[in-house]
Amino acid sequence: MAMSMSMTLSVFVMVVMAATVTGFTHLQVPNLSRMERDEPLDCCEMKKCCVRSMYECLQDHRGNEYDMATECYQKAGDICGSYNEIVGCCQGYEICILKNVPHTGLQRAHDLCESTDCYNPCQ
């Protein structure tokens, strides 16, 4: 009885592991960035997405916006994509936020920075 129970459990575990690996393999294509997996946004849409995503992230960290700006910028890049490894998502917005948020608060800084140049190669 103990041998067959052990064997049954081993087979069950192997089947579950095989099903898990098989089910997730199609999602894992090596060496593809998010932008290569999905249809890239055009420059205008990417800027809107980056600004919106970063602003929403900063709203979740009220009072700590300056310290969270870089992390929110990286999250926005993960969501919206990046122009390239150097420029990132919308670097101009991040720089403007860092410059203005300590003095004006988040809402005013966002209003000032929303139309700033992203320093992207499309412009």
Protein backbone atom coordinates (compact mmCIF):
# COMPACT_ATOMS: atom_id res chain seq x y z
CA MET A 1 0.00 0.00 0.00
CA ALA A 2 2.77 2.43 0.91
CA MET A 3 4.61 1.75 -2.32
CA SER A 4 1.60 2.33 -4.55
CA MET A 5 0.64 5.50 -2.64
CA SER A 6 4.18 6.82 -3.04
CA MET A 7 4.18 5.95 -6.73
CA THR A 8 0.77 7.58 -7.24
CA LEU A 9 1.94 10.74 -5.51
CA SER A 10 5.13 10.85 -7.60
CA VAL A 11 3.20 10.47 -10.84
CA PHE A 12 0.73 13.15 -9.77
CA VAL A 13 3.54 15.60 -8.97
CA MET A 14 5.24 14.94 -12.31
CA VAL A 15 1.98 15.47 -14.22
CA VAL A 16 1.29 18.74 -12.42
CA MET A 17 4.82 19.99 -13.06
CA ALA A 18 4.68 18.98 -16.72
CA ALA A 19 1.33 20.71 -17.18
CA THR A 20 2.65 23.87 -15.52
CA VAL A 21 5.80 23.98 -17.66
CA THR A 22 3.88 23.20 -20.86
CA GLY A 23 1.23 25.81 -20.10
CA PHE A 24 3.74 28.60 -19.55
CA THR A 25 6.38 27.79 -22.16
CA HIS A 26 4.57 29.67 -24.94
CA LEU A 27 4.86 32.90 -22.91
CA GLN A 28 8.62 32.70 -22.59
CA VAL A 29 10.36 33.80 -25.76
CA PRO A 30 14.03 34.48 -24.97
CA ASN A 31 15.68 37.86 -25.51
CA LEU A 32 12.57 39.82 -26.38
CA SER A 33 11.84 43.12 -24.71
CA ARG A 34 8.25 44.17 -24.10
CA MET A 35 8.39 46.39 -27.17
CA GLU A 36 9.43 43.45 -29.38
CA ARG A 37 6.68 41.18 -28.01
CA ASP A 38 3.85 43.68 -28.42
CA GLU A 39 3.07 46.06 -31.23
CA PRO A 40 4.98 49.22 -30.25
CA LEU A 41 3.05 52.38 -29.48
CA ASP A 42 3.69 55.34 -31.73
CA CYS A 43 5.68 58.15 -30.13
CA CYS A 44 2.66 60.27 -29.25
CA GLU A 45 0.80 57.36 -27.64
CA MET A 46 3.94 56.26 -25.79
CA LYS A 47 4.37 59.72 -24.29
CA LYS A 48 0.74 59.82 -23.15
CA CYS A 49 1.03 56.35 -21.66
CA CYS A 50 4.32 57.16 -19.90
CA VAL A 51 3.10 60.42 -18.42
CA ARG A 52 -0.21 58.90 -17.30
CA SER A 53 1.42 55.79 -15.80
CA MET A 54 4.11 57.72 -13.98
CA TYR A 55 1.61 60.26 -12.62
CA GLU A 56 -0.71 57.49 -11.39
CA CYS A 57 2.22 55.77 -9.68
CA LEU A 58 3.29 59.02 -8.02
CA GLN A 59 -0.28 59.58 -6.80
CA ASP A 60 0.01 56.28 -4.94
CA HIS A 61 3.03 57.68 -3.08
CA ARG A 62 1.76 61.11 -1.95
CA GLY A 63 4.30 62.94 0.16
CA ASN A 64 7.10 60.75 -1.17
CA GLU A 65 6.93 61.70 -4.85
CA TYR A 66 10.51 62.90 -5.20
CA ASP A 67 11.96 59.68 -3.78
CA MET A 68 9.61 57.50 -5.85
CA ALA A 69 10.01 59.32 -9.18
CA THR A 70 12.71 57.03 -10.56
CA GLU A 71 10.89 53.86 -9.52
CA CYS A 72 7.64 55.18 -11.02
CA TYR A 73 9.52 56.09 -14.21
CA GLN A 74 10.82 52.53 -14.48
CA LYS A 75 7.33 51.11 -13.87
CA ALA A 76 5.93 53.38 -16.58
CA GLY A 77 8.60 52.05 -18.95
CA ASP A 78 7.59 48.49 -18.10
CA ILE A 79 3.96 49.32 -18.86
CA CYS A 80 4.37 51.55 -21.92
CA GLY A 81 7.71 50.56 -23.36
CA SER A 82 10.82 52.63 -23.99
CA TYR A 83 12.21 54.50 -26.97
CA ASN A 84 15.52 52.78 -26.31
CA GLU A 85 17.71 51.77 -23.36
CA ILE A 86 19.15 55.27 -22.96
CA VAL A 87 16.11 57.49 -23.41
CA GLY A 88 13.65 55.21 -21.65
CA CYS A 89 9.97 56.05 -21.46
CA CYS A 90 9.66 59.86 -21.17
CA GLN A 91 12.80 61.14 -19.51
CA GLY A 92 11.83 64.77 -19.93
CA TYR A 93 8.72 64.27 -17.79
CA GLU A 94 10.73 62.51 -15.09
CA ILE A 95 13.35 65.29 -15.00
CA CYS A 96 10.66 67.98 -14.91
CA ILE A 97 8.82 66.22 -12.07
CA LEU A 98 12.04 65.86 -10.06
CA LYS A 99 12.73 69.57 -10.56
CA ASN A 100 9.25 70.83 -9.68
CA VAL A 101 7.56 68.43 -7.26
CA PRO A 102 9.52 69.49 -4.14
CA HIS A 103 8.46 73.13 -4.59
CA THR A 104 5.00 72.91 -6.13
CA GLY A 105 3.50 69.57 -5.12
CA LEU A 106 2.47 66.76 -7.42
CA GLN A 107 -0.59 68.23 -9.13
CA ARG A 108 1.08 71.53 -10.05
CA ALA A 109 4.29 69.75 -11.11
CA HIS A 110 2.25 67.41 -13.32
CA ASP A 111 0.43 70.37 -14.90
CA LEU A 112 3.77 72.05 -15.62
CA CYS A 113 5.47 68.90 -16.92
CA GLU A 114 2.70 67.17 -18.86
CA SER A 115 3.61 68.86 -22.16
CA THR A 116 7.39 68.70 -21.72
CA ASP A 117 9.62 67.15 -24.39
CA CYS A 118 10.41 63.48 -23.70
CA TYR A 119 13.89 63.71 -25.29
CA ASN A 120 12.98 60.86 -27.59
CA PRO A 121 14.36 60.10 -31.03
CA CYS A 122 10.91 60.44 -32.61
CA GLN A 123 10.69 64.17 -31.96
